Amino acid sequence: ENQSLFERGLFTVQSKGREGIIDHYGKWIITLNDQHINFISSQFFSVQIENYSYLYHLDGSRIPHQPYDDVVYEVEAPMFKVKRDQKIGYVGHDGIEIIPVIYDQTFFFADRQIAEMTLGKEDGQKTTLLYDTLGHLLLSTTYDDLYPLNDPFGYYSASLNHKQSIIDLRRNIILPPIYNRVWGFADTTFYCVTDESRR
């Protein structure tokens, strides 16, 4: 009754409140059922069944994973955020999970090429990690937050209990976490800090 064109020659089909997917030859990829087609990307698609989302290859075979509560699709995103039981992770463009769904917070920087992932919600009790968009772990720390100071992102402002420090990708401490604010100049050739306790 209603068809919408998506990528790779696949169509969503809706009939009497049920949804499915066919290809451009009319072959059923996912037969009509009580489900909702969330999106079709260039390499996989997402189907919501009851309250959960499942990922499928474009041939209709299901990608092995535990059900997700939500899959956030952004066309230009380097990877896609998934949520389960109030935890966050990421899947790649092929729908395969590359960052496990165990984190409490996430943030992108470096033109969305690096993902900051945080375990824990209380300052002073967090673990903050950096991943690239292939799921490779770049850095694991016990700081509350990290932010790059230079390009190619070898040095980071690291916060702990509302104090800031500077570390490098090898976790070497350049400046200890005792300052109210730190920032770099001339591609971190030198640093500037503020320390209200010394006023």
Protein backbone atom coordinates (compact mmCIF):
# COMPACT_ATOMS: atom_id res chain seq x y z
CA GLU A 1 0.00 0.00 0.00
CA ASN A 2 2.95 2.32 0.62
CA GLN A 3 6.59 2.03 -0.47
CA SER A 4 9.61 4.19 0.40
CA LEU A 5 12.89 4.00 -1.54
CA PHE A 6 16.04 3.52 0.56
CA GLU A 7 19.68 2.76 -0.19
CA ARG A 8 21.00 -0.23 -2.17
CA GLY A 9 17.71 -0.79 -3.98
CA LEU A 10 15.76 -1.78 -0.86
CA PHE A 11 12.25 -0.59 -0.09
CA THR A 12 10.22 -0.57 3.08
CA VAL A 13 6.72 -1.89 2.53
CA GLN A 14 3.75 -1.06 4.75
CA SER A 15 0.43 -2.88 4.67
CA LYS A 16 -2.35 -2.88 7.26
CA GLY A 17 -0.04 -1.70 10.02
CA ARG A 18 2.68 -4.23 9.24
CA GLU A 19 6.09 -3.49 7.72
CA GLY A 20 8.72 -5.39 5.75
CA ILE A 21 11.52 -4.90 3.22
CA ILE A 22 11.74 -5.93 -0.44
CA ASP A 23 14.55 -5.46 -2.96
CA HIS A 24 14.18 -3.92 -6.42
CA TYR A 25 13.38 -7.34 -7.89
CA GLY A 26 10.41 -7.66 -5.55
CA LYS A 27 12.09 -10.34 -3.41
CA TRP A 28 11.24 -10.26 0.27
CA ILE A 29 14.24 -9.44 2.46
CA ILE A 30 12.11 -9.15 5.60
CA THR A 31 8.50 -10.33 5.30
CA LEU A 32 5.59 -8.23 6.51
CA ASN A 33 5.16 -8.44 10.27
CA ASP A 34 4.24 -6.45 13.36
CA GLN A 35 7.51 -4.54 13.33
CA HIS A 36 8.93 -1.14 12.40
CA ILE A 37 11.80 -0.57 9.96
CA ASN A 38 13.91 2.06 11.75
CA PHE A 39 16.34 2.77 8.90
CA ILE A 40 18.29 1.23 6.05
CA SER A 41 21.94 2.25 5.73
CA SER A 42 24.44 1.38 3.01
CA GLN A 43 25.49 -1.86 4.76
CA PHE A 44 22.79 -2.87 7.27
CA PHE A 45 19.32 -2.04 8.50
CA SER A 46 17.53 -1.81 11.83
CA VAL A 47 14.17 -3.33 12.75
CA GLN A 48 12.20 -2.59 15.89
CA ILE A 49 10.23 -5.54 17.27
CA GLU A 50 8.12 -4.61 20.27
CA ASN A 51 10.45 -2.45 22.40
CA TYR A 52 13.79 -3.65 21.03
CA SER A 53 15.90 -2.91 17.96
CA TYR A 54 17.73 -5.58 15.95
CA LEU A 55 20.34 -5.16 13.21
CA TYR A 56 20.39 -7.12 9.95
CA HIS A 57 22.73 -7.50 7.01
CA LEU A 58 21.25 -6.30 3.71
CA ASP A 59 20.51 -9.91 2.70
CA GLY A 60 18.12 -10.21 5.66
CA SER A 61 20.35 -12.26 7.96
CA ARG A 62 20.39 -11.01 11.53
CA ILE A 63 23.63 -9.64 12.95
CA PRO A 64 24.39 -11.48 16.23
CA HIS A 65 23.94 -9.15 19.21
CA GLN A 66 21.82 -8.71 22.31
CA PRO A 67 18.72 -6.58 21.63
CA TYR A 68 19.25 -2.81 21.73
CA ASP A 69 16.88 -0.32 23.32
CA ASP A 70 17.81 2.25 20.67
CA VAL A 71 20.02 2.66 17.60
CA VAL A 72 20.85 6.26 16.68
CA TYR A 73 21.31 6.63 12.92
CA GLU A 74 23.09 9.70 11.53
CA VAL A 75 23.96 9.66 7.83
CA GLU A 76 27.40 11.28 8.20
CA ALA A 77 28.34 9.70 11.53
CA PRO A 78 31.55 7.62 11.51
CA MET A 79 29.80 5.02 13.68
CA PHE A 80 26.35 4.62 15.18
CA LYS A 81 25.42 4.93 18.85
CA VAL A 82 23.51 2.02 20.41
CA LYS A 83 21.89 1.87 23.84
CA ARG A 84 20.97 -0.95 26.15
CA ASP A 85 19.86 -0.76 29.81
CA GLN A 86 20.93 2.91 29.97
CA LYS A 87 24.42 2.05 28.72
CA ILE A 88 26.05 3.30 25.51
CA GLY A 89 28.27 1.73 22.84
CA TYR A 90 28.84 1.96 19.09
CA VAL A 91 28.47 -0.18 15.99
CA GLY A 92 30.43 0.37 12.78
CA HIS A 93 29.06 1.02 9.30
CA ASP A 94 28.65 -2.74 8.85
CA GLY A 95 26.43 -2.98 11.95
CA ILE A 96 29.02 -4.91 13.95
CA GLU A 97 29.56 -3.76 17.53
CA ILE A 98 33.00 -2.16 17.85
CA ILE A 99 32.71 -0.35 21.20
CA PRO A 100 30.95 -2.42 23.87
CA VAL A 101 27.64 -1.22 25.32
CA ILE A 102 28.94 -0.64 28.84
CA TYR A 103 29.56 3.11 29.05
CA ASP A 104 27.62 5.87 30.82
CA GLN A 105 28.58 8.86 28.67
CA THR A 106 30.06 9.56 25.26
CA PHE A 107 31.44 12.54 23.39
CA PHE A 108 33.01 13.02 19.94
CA PHE A 109 35.87 15.33 19.05
CA ALA A 110 38.61 15.61 16.39
CA ASP A 111 35.99 16.06 13.65
CA ARG A 112 34.18 13.01 15.08
CA GLN A 113 37.20 10.76 14.58
CA ILE A 114 37.74 10.11 18.31
CA ALA A 115 35.09 9.01 20.79
CA GLU A 116 35.46 9.68 24.49
CA MET A 117 33.71 6.99 26.54
CA THR A 118 33.16 7.27 30.29
CA LEU A 119 32.42 4.63 32.91
CA GLY A 120 30.88 5.92 36.13
CA LYS A 121 28.85 9.01 36.94
CA GLU A 122 30.53 10.47 40.03
CA ASP A 123 33.55 12.74 39.64
CA GLY A 124 36.62 11.13 41.11
CA GLN A 125 35.26 7.65 40.42
CA LYS A 126 35.21 7.63 36.63
CA THR A 127 37.20 5.81 33.99
CA THR A 128 37.57 7.73 30.73
CA LEU A 129 38.74 6.07 27.53
CA LEU A 130 39.42 7.20 23.97
CA TYR A 131 38.55 5.10 20.90
CA ASP A 132 39.00 5.71 17.21
CA THR A 133 36.16 5.05 14.77
CA LEU A 134 37.40 1.52 14.07
CA GLY A 135 36.96 0.64 17.74
CA HIS A 136 40.66 0.71 18.60
CA LEU A 137 41.36 1.74 22.19
CA LEU A 138 43.74 4.72 22.17
CA LEU A 139 43.89 5.65 25.84
CA SER A 140 42.43 4.46 29.16
CA THR A 141 42.59 6.70 32.23
CA THR A 142 41.05 7.20 35.67
CA TYR A 143 40.31 10.85 34.92
CA ASP A 144 36.79 12.27 34.82
CA ASP A 145 37.15 13.91 31.41
CA LEU A 146 39.65 14.39 28.58
CA TYR A 147 39.94 17.05 25.92
CA PRO A 148 42.57 17.37 23.15
CA LEU A 149 44.97 20.28 23.29
CA ASN A 150 46.67 19.87 19.92
CA ASP A 151 46.56 18.19 16.52
CA PRO A 152 47.36 15.26 16.03
CA PHE A 153 45.99 15.01 19.55
CA GLY A 154 49.02 13.85 21.48
CA TYR A 155 48.27 15.95 24.58
CA TYR A 156 45.07 16.21 26.60
CA SER A 157 43.58 18.33 29.30
CA ALA A 158 42.52 15.78 31.93
CA SER A 159 40.03 16.63 34.70
CA LEU A 160 39.87 14.96 38.09
CA ASN A 161 37.61 16.15 40.91
CA HIS A 162 37.14 19.51 39.16
CA LYS A 163 40.90 20.07 38.82
CA GLN A 164 42.76 19.97 35.53
CA SER A 165 46.06 18.50 34.44
CA ILE A 166 47.85 17.72 31.17
CA ILE A 167 48.74 14.18 30.06
CA ASP A 168 49.94 12.61 26.84
CA LEU A 169 48.72 9.52 24.95
CA ARG A 170 51.11 7.37 26.97
CA ARG A 171 49.47 8.60 30.20
CA ASN A 172 52.57 10.54 31.18
CA ILE A 173 51.62 13.41 33.51
CA ILE A 174 52.90 16.67 32.04
CA LEU A 175 51.17 18.82 34.68
CA PRO A 176 49.52 17.38 37.82
CA PRO A 177 45.72 17.70 38.46
CA ILE A 178 45.92 20.72 40.77
CA TYR A 179 44.88 23.59 38.50
CA ASN A 180 41.55 25.29 37.90
CA ARG A 181 42.22 25.54 34.18
CA VAL A 182 44.96 24.56 31.74
CA TRP A 183 45.41 25.27 28.04
CA GLY A 184 48.16 25.10 25.46
CA PHE A 185 49.67 27.58 23.03
CA ALA A 186 51.71 27.19 19.84
CA ASP A 187 50.65 23.57 19.41
CA THR A 188 51.45 22.88 23.10
CA THR A 189 54.96 24.30 22.87
CA PHE A 190 54.07 25.97 26.18
CA TYR A 191 51.12 25.94 28.59
CA CYS A 192 49.13 28.40 30.63
CA VAL A 193 47.38 27.54 33.90
CA THR A 194 45.18 29.23 36.47
CA ASP A 195 45.37 28.36 40.15
CA GLU A 196 42.93 30.20 42.39
CA SER A 197 44.55 28.81 45.53
CA ARG A 198 47.62 30.93 44.83
CA ARG A 199 45.89 34.28 44.48
